[in-house]
């Protein structure tokens, strides 16, 4: 991936809120929350004891660590980092999270913030 495209994706995740809860169906939000619990929450739950939250808080500041608290994630940003990983975060292959599941997860996260943590 080119550096320009990568910077655009990273920038989009830091400045734009592409989806809103109103634009995502309640069913998609529920499925996205379930996928978040199954695939992401062990590292990205609120609290510095979770490695993803701690790493993002360190890199981007407090309030940017817990993904459910973010209001500036775009679907493209989420899809890129889930498929490609970064640093300690592993890439999730199609066999682990298919394209439709990734689409729903990206819609869910981009519709944040989500005040209540989904039930585990």
N, C-alpha and C. Protein backbone atom coordinates (compact mmCIF):
# COMPACT_ATOMS: atom_id res chain seq x y z
N UNK A 1 0.85 -1.17 0.00
CA UNK A 1 0.00 0.00 0.00
C UNK A 1 0.89 1.22 0.00
N UNK A 2 0.52 2.24 -0.76
CA UNK A 2 1.36 3.43 -0.86
C UNK A 2 1.32 4.23 0.44
N UNK A 3 2.38 4.98 0.67
CA UNK A 3 2.45 5.80 1.88
C UNK A 3 1.34 6.85 1.88
N UNK A 4 1.02 7.40 0.71
CA UNK A 4 -0.04 8.41 0.63
C UNK A 4 -1.38 7.83 1.03
N UNK A 5 -1.71 6.66 0.50
CA UNK A 5 -2.98 6.03 0.85
C UNK A 5 -3.00 5.69 2.33
N UNK A 6 -1.91 5.17 2.85
CA UNK A 6 -1.84 4.82 4.26
C UNK A 6 -2.06 6.05 5.13
N UNK A 7 -1.42 7.16 4.79
CA UNK A 7 -1.60 8.39 5.56
C UNK A 7 -3.04 8.87 5.48
N UNK A 8 -3.66 8.71 4.32
CA UNK A 8 -5.07 9.09 4.17
C UNK A 8 -5.97 8.25 5.05
N UNK A 9 -5.70 6.97 5.11
CA UNK A 9 -6.51 6.08 5.96
C UNK A 9 -6.30 6.41 7.42
N UNK A 10 -5.06 6.59 7.83
CA UNK A 10 -4.78 6.93 9.22
C UNK A 10 -5.40 8.28 9.56
N UNK A 11 -5.27 9.24 8.66
CA UNK A 11 -5.86 10.55 8.89
C UNK A 11 -7.37 10.49 8.99
N UNK A 12 -7.98 9.67 8.16
CA UNK A 12 -9.44 9.54 8.20
C UNK A 12 -9.88 8.99 9.54
N UNK A 13 -9.13 8.08 10.09
CA UNK A 13 -9.49 7.52 11.38
C UNK A 13 -9.34 8.53 12.50
N UNK A 14 -8.50 9.51 12.30
CA UNK A 14 -8.26 10.48 13.35
C UNK A 14 -9.14 11.70 13.28
N UNK A 15 -9.84 11.93 12.15
CA UNK A 15 -10.56 13.19 12.03
C UNK A 15 -12.00 13.08 11.59
N UNK A 16 -12.39 12.00 11.00
CA UNK A 16 -13.73 11.94 10.42
C UNK A 16 -14.58 10.88 11.10
N UNK A 17 -15.83 11.20 11.25
CA UNK A 17 -16.79 10.23 11.80
C UNK A 17 -17.76 9.93 10.68
N UNK A 18 -17.50 8.85 9.95
CA UNK A 18 -18.20 8.58 8.71
C UNK A 18 -19.59 8.01 8.90
N UNK A 19 -19.80 7.19 9.89
CA UNK A 19 -21.10 6.56 10.08
C UNK A 19 -21.70 7.06 11.38
N UNK A 20 -23.00 7.03 11.44
CA UNK A 20 -23.66 7.36 12.70
C UNK A 20 -24.56 6.20 13.06
N UNK A 21 -24.93 6.14 14.32
CA UNK A 21 -25.80 5.05 14.76
C UNK A 21 -27.10 5.05 13.98
N UNK A 22 -27.58 6.22 13.57
CA UNK A 22 -28.82 6.30 12.81
C UNK A 22 -28.67 5.69 11.42
N UNK A 23 -27.45 5.72 10.87
CA UNK A 23 -27.21 5.20 9.52
C UNK A 23 -27.01 3.69 9.52
N UNK A 24 -26.82 3.10 10.66
CA UNK A 24 -26.58 1.66 10.77
C UNK A 24 -27.80 1.04 11.44
N UNK A 25 -28.31 -0.02 10.84
CA UNK A 25 -29.52 -0.65 11.37
C UNK A 25 -29.28 -1.20 12.77
N UNK A 26 -30.34 -1.27 13.58
CA UNK A 26 -30.19 -1.86 14.92
C UNK A 26 -29.67 -3.29 14.87
N UNK A 27 -30.08 -4.05 13.85
CA UNK A 27 -29.60 -5.43 13.71
C UNK A 27 -28.10 -5.46 13.45
N UNK A 28 -27.62 -4.54 12.57
CA UNK A 28 -26.19 -4.48 12.27
C UNK A 28 -25.40 -4.04 13.50
N UNK A 29 -25.95 -3.10 14.27
CA UNK A 29 -25.27 -2.67 15.49
C UNK A 29 -25.17 -3.82 16.49
N UNK A 30 -26.23 -4.59 16.61
CA UNK A 30 -26.22 -5.74 17.53
C UNK A 30 -25.21 -6.79 17.08
N UNK A 31 -25.20 -7.08 15.78
CA UNK A 31 -24.25 -8.06 15.26
C UNK A 31 -22.82 -7.54 15.38
N UNK A 32 -22.63 -6.24 15.10
CA UNK A 32 -21.31 -5.64 15.25
C UNK A 32 -20.81 -5.70 16.68
N UNK A 33 -21.71 -5.44 17.63
CA UNK A 33 -21.33 -5.53 19.05
C UNK A 33 -20.92 -6.95 19.41
N UNK A 34 -21.65 -7.92 18.88
CA UNK A 34 -21.32 -9.32 19.14
C UNK A 34 -19.96 -9.68 18.56
N UNK A 35 -19.68 -9.21 17.35
CA UNK A 35 -18.37 -9.46 16.72
C UNK A 35 -17.25 -8.77 17.50
N UNK A 36 -17.53 -7.57 18.00
CA UNK A 36 -16.55 -6.84 18.82
C UNK A 36 -16.21 -7.65 20.07
N UNK A 37 -17.23 -8.17 20.73
CA UNK A 37 -17.00 -8.98 21.94
C UNK A 37 -16.20 -10.23 21.60
N UNK A 38 -16.56 -10.89 20.51
CA UNK A 38 -15.90 -12.14 20.14
C UNK A 38 -14.44 -11.94 19.70
N UNK A 39 -14.16 -10.85 18.97
CA UNK A 39 -12.86 -10.71 18.33
C UNK A 39 -11.96 -9.60 18.88
N UNK A 40 -12.51 -8.62 19.56
CA UNK A 40 -11.74 -7.42 19.87
C UNK A 40 -11.64 -7.07 21.35
N UNK A 41 -12.69 -7.39 22.09
CA UNK A 41 -12.81 -6.84 23.45
C UNK A 41 -11.69 -7.30 24.38
N UNK A 42 -11.12 -8.48 24.13
CA UNK A 42 -10.06 -8.95 25.02
C UNK A 42 -8.85 -8.02 25.02
N UNK A 43 -8.64 -7.29 23.95
CA UNK A 43 -7.53 -6.33 23.89
C UNK A 43 -8.00 -4.88 23.94
N UNK A 44 -9.23 -4.62 23.50
CA UNK A 44 -9.70 -3.24 23.34
C UNK A 44 -10.83 -2.84 24.28
N UNK A 45 -11.02 -3.57 25.37
CA UNK A 45 -11.99 -3.21 26.41
C UNK A 45 -11.50 -1.95 27.12
N UNK A 46 -12.40 -1.24 27.74
CA UNK A 46 -11.99 -0.08 28.55
C UNK A 46 -11.08 -0.56 29.68
N UNK A 47 -10.06 0.22 29.97
CA UNK A 47 -9.15 -0.11 31.06
C UNK A 47 -7.74 -0.36 30.56
N UNK A 48 -6.78 0.19 31.28
CA UNK A 48 -5.38 0.10 30.86
C UNK A 48 -4.79 -1.29 31.02
N UNK A 49 -5.52 -2.22 31.64
CA UNK A 49 -5.03 -3.60 31.73
C UNK A 49 -5.20 -4.35 30.41
N UNK A 50 -5.86 -3.74 29.45
CA UNK A 50 -6.07 -4.36 28.14
C UNK A 50 -5.02 -3.82 27.17
N UNK A 51 -4.24 -4.69 26.53
CA UNK A 51 -3.08 -4.24 25.77
C UNK A 51 -3.39 -3.30 24.61
N UNK A 52 -4.47 -3.53 23.89
CA UNK A 52 -4.82 -2.64 22.78
C UNK A 52 -5.19 -1.26 23.27
N UNK A 53 -5.97 -1.20 24.33
CA UNK A 53 -6.38 0.07 24.92
C UNK A 53 -5.16 0.81 25.47
N UNK A 54 -4.29 0.11 26.16
CA UNK A 54 -3.08 0.73 26.71
C UNK A 54 -2.19 1.27 25.59
N UNK A 55 -2.00 0.48 24.54
CA UNK A 55 -1.14 0.92 23.43
C UNK A 55 -1.71 2.14 22.73
N UNK A 56 -3.01 2.13 22.44
CA UNK A 56 -3.62 3.27 21.76
C UNK A 56 -3.64 4.51 22.65
N UNK A 57 -3.84 4.33 23.94
CA UNK A 57 -3.79 5.46 24.88
C UNK A 57 -2.39 6.06 24.92
N UNK A 58 -1.38 5.21 24.91
CA UNK A 58 0.00 5.67 24.91
C UNK A 58 0.31 6.43 23.62
N UNK A 59 -0.12 5.89 22.49
CA UNK A 59 0.19 6.51 21.20
C UNK A 59 -0.60 7.78 20.93
N UNK A 60 -1.89 7.78 21.28
CA UNK A 60 -2.78 8.86 20.84
C UNK A 60 -3.39 9.67 21.97
N UNK A 61 -3.13 9.29 23.21
CA UNK A 61 -3.65 10.04 24.35
C UNK A 61 -4.86 9.39 24.98
N UNK A 62 -5.07 9.77 26.22
CA UNK A 62 -6.19 9.23 26.98
C UNK A 62 -7.49 9.58 26.25
N UNK A 63 -8.42 8.68 26.27
CA UNK A 63 -9.69 8.90 25.57
C UNK A 63 -9.67 8.35 24.16
N UNK A 64 -8.51 7.94 23.68
CA UNK A 64 -8.40 7.37 22.33
C UNK A 64 -8.10 5.88 22.39
N UNK A 65 -7.99 5.32 23.58
CA UNK A 65 -7.59 3.94 23.72
C UNK A 65 -8.71 2.93 23.55
N UNK A 66 -9.80 3.12 24.25
CA UNK A 66 -10.92 2.17 24.17
C UNK A 66 -11.71 2.43 22.90
N UNK A 67 -11.76 1.44 22.02
CA UNK A 67 -12.41 1.64 20.73
C UNK A 67 -13.88 2.00 20.86
N UNK A 68 -14.57 1.47 21.86
CA UNK A 68 -15.99 1.76 22.03
C UNK A 68 -16.23 3.23 22.40
N UNK A 69 -15.21 3.92 22.89
CA UNK A 69 -15.35 5.33 23.25
C UNK A 69 -15.03 6.27 22.10
N UNK A 70 -14.52 5.74 21.02
CA UNK A 70 -14.09 6.60 19.90
C UNK A 70 -15.28 7.06 19.07
N UNK A 71 -15.22 8.30 18.61
CA UNK A 71 -16.25 8.83 17.73
C UNK A 71 -15.66 9.27 16.39
N UNK A 72 -14.44 8.84 16.11
CA UNK A 72 -13.76 9.29 14.90
C UNK A 72 -13.20 8.15 14.04
N UNK A 73 -13.73 6.97 14.20
CA UNK A 73 -13.27 5.83 13.39
C UNK A 73 -14.13 5.74 12.14
N UNK A 74 -13.50 5.53 11.01
CA UNK A 74 -14.24 5.33 9.77
C UNK A 74 -14.23 3.84 9.43
N UNK A 75 -15.20 3.39 8.64
CA UNK A 75 -15.19 1.98 8.23
C UNK A 75 -13.89 1.59 7.53
N UNK A 76 -13.38 2.44 6.64
CA UNK A 76 -12.13 2.12 5.93
C UNK A 76 -10.96 1.97 6.90
N UNK A 77 -10.89 2.84 7.88
CA UNK A 77 -9.84 2.79 8.89
C UNK A 77 -9.89 1.47 9.66
N UNK A 78 -11.08 1.10 10.11
CA UNK A 78 -11.25 -0.14 10.87
C UNK A 78 -10.89 -1.34 10.00
N UNK A 79 -11.43 -1.38 8.78
CA UNK A 79 -11.15 -2.52 7.89
C UNK A 79 -9.66 -2.66 7.62
N UNK A 80 -8.97 -1.55 7.37
CA UNK A 80 -7.55 -1.61 7.08
C UNK A 80 -6.77 -2.24 8.24
N UNK A 81 -6.99 -1.74 9.45
CA UNK A 81 -6.20 -2.22 10.58
C UNK A 81 -6.59 -3.62 11.01
N UNK A 82 -7.85 -3.99 10.84
CA UNK A 82 -8.24 -5.37 11.17
C UNK A 82 -7.59 -6.34 10.19
N UNK A 83 -7.60 -6.03 8.91
CA UNK A 83 -7.01 -6.94 7.92
C UNK A 83 -5.49 -6.95 7.95
N UNK A 84 -4.86 -5.81 8.26
CA UNK A 84 -3.41 -5.71 8.15
C UNK A 84 -2.68 -5.74 9.49
N UNK A 85 -3.38 -5.46 10.58
CA UNK A 85 -2.73 -5.41 11.87
C UNK A 85 -1.76 -4.25 11.95
N UNK A 86 -1.17 -4.08 13.13
CA UNK A 86 -0.15 -3.05 13.31
C UNK A 86 0.48 -3.27 14.68
N UNK A 87 1.79 -3.25 14.73
CA UNK A 87 2.47 -3.43 16.00
C UNK A 87 2.07 -4.75 16.64
N UNK A 88 1.55 -4.68 17.86
CA UNK A 88 1.13 -5.88 18.58
C UNK A 88 -0.18 -6.47 18.06
N UNK A 89 -0.95 -5.67 17.33
CA UNK A 89 -2.24 -6.15 16.85
C UNK A 89 -2.06 -7.09 15.67
N UNK A 90 -2.62 -8.28 15.77
CA UNK A 90 -2.51 -9.22 14.65
C UNK A 90 -3.47 -8.85 13.53
N UNK A 91 -3.14 -9.28 12.33
CA UNK A 91 -4.07 -9.16 11.21
C UNK A 91 -5.10 -10.28 11.33
N UNK A 92 -6.35 -9.98 11.02
CA UNK A 92 -7.40 -10.99 11.02
C UNK A 92 -7.67 -11.39 9.58
N UNK A 93 -7.40 -12.63 9.25
CA UNK A 93 -7.59 -13.14 7.89
C UNK A 93 -9.06 -13.46 7.65
N UNK A 94 -9.40 -13.65 6.38
CA UNK A 94 -10.79 -13.92 5.99
C UNK A 94 -11.33 -15.15 6.71
N UNK A 95 -10.50 -16.14 6.97
CA UNK A 95 -10.96 -17.33 7.69
C UNK A 95 -11.31 -17.06 9.14
N UNK A 96 -10.79 -15.97 9.69
CA UNK A 96 -11.07 -15.61 11.08
C UNK A 96 -12.24 -14.63 11.19
N UNK A 97 -12.34 -13.76 10.22
CA UNK A 97 -13.39 -12.73 10.18
C UNK A 97 -13.65 -12.48 8.70
N UNK A 98 -14.79 -12.96 8.19
CA UNK A 98 -15.02 -12.82 6.75
C UNK A 98 -15.35 -11.38 6.38
N UNK A 99 -15.41 -11.09 5.09
CA UNK A 99 -15.61 -9.72 4.63
C UNK A 99 -16.93 -9.12 5.12
N UNK A 100 -17.99 -9.90 5.14
CA UNK A 100 -19.29 -9.39 5.62
C UNK A 100 -19.22 -9.09 7.12
N UNK A 101 -18.60 -9.97 7.89
CA UNK A 101 -18.43 -9.72 9.32
C UNK A 101 -17.58 -8.48 9.56
N UNK A 102 -16.52 -8.33 8.79
CA UNK A 102 -15.66 -7.16 8.93
C UNK A 102 -16.42 -5.88 8.59
N UNK A 103 -17.25 -5.93 7.56
CA UNK A 103 -18.07 -4.77 7.19
C UNK A 103 -18.98 -4.36 8.35
N UNK A 104 -19.64 -5.34 8.96
CA UNK A 104 -20.55 -5.06 10.08
C UNK A 104 -19.77 -4.54 11.29
N UNK A 105 -18.63 -5.14 11.59
CA UNK A 105 -17.79 -4.68 12.70
C UNK A 105 -17.34 -3.24 12.46
N UNK A 106 -16.91 -2.94 11.24
CA UNK A 106 -16.45 -1.59 10.90
C UNK A 106 -17.59 -0.58 11.03
N UNK A 107 -18.80 -0.96 10.60
CA UNK A 107 -19.96 -0.07 10.75
C UNK A 107 -20.25 0.18 12.23
N UNK A 108 -20.19 -0.87 13.02
CA UNK A 108 -20.45 -0.75 14.46
C UNK A 108 -19.45 0.23 15.10
N UNK A 109 -18.16 0.01 14.88
CA UNK A 109 -17.16 0.86 15.51
C UNK A 109 -17.22 2.29 14.99
N UNK A 110 -17.55 2.48 13.72
CA UNK A 110 -17.61 3.84 13.18
C UNK A 110 -18.88 4.57 13.62
N UNK A 111 -19.83 3.86 14.19
CA UNK A 111 -21.06 4.48 14.70
C UNK A 111 -20.92 4.88 16.17
N UNK A 112 -19.72 4.76 16.73
CA UNK A 112 -19.49 5.05 18.14
C UNK A 112 -19.52 6.53 18.43
N UNK A 113 -19.44 6.90 19.68
CA UNK A 113 -19.10 6.04 20.80
C UNK A 113 -20.27 5.17 21.26
N UNK A 114 -19.93 4.10 21.93
CA UNK A 114 -20.91 3.16 22.48
C UNK A 114 -20.76 3.20 24.00
N UNK A 115 -21.65 3.93 24.69
CA UNK A 115 -21.49 4.14 26.13
C UNK A 115 -21.44 2.86 26.96
N UNK A 116 -22.24 1.89 26.62
CA UNK A 116 -22.26 0.64 27.39
C UNK A 116 -21.37 -0.38 26.70
N UNK A 117 -20.58 -1.06 27.47
CA UNK A 117 -19.77 -2.15 26.92
C UNK A 117 -20.70 -3.30 26.59
N UNK A 118 -20.58 -3.88 25.39
CA UNK A 118 -21.41 -5.04 25.05
C UNK A 118 -21.19 -6.17 26.06
N UNK A 119 -22.24 -6.91 26.30
CA UNK A 119 -22.14 -8.05 27.23
C UNK A 119 -21.21 -9.11 26.66
N UNK A 120 -20.39 -9.69 27.52
CA UNK A 120 -19.45 -10.73 27.08
C UNK A 120 -20.12 -12.06 27.02
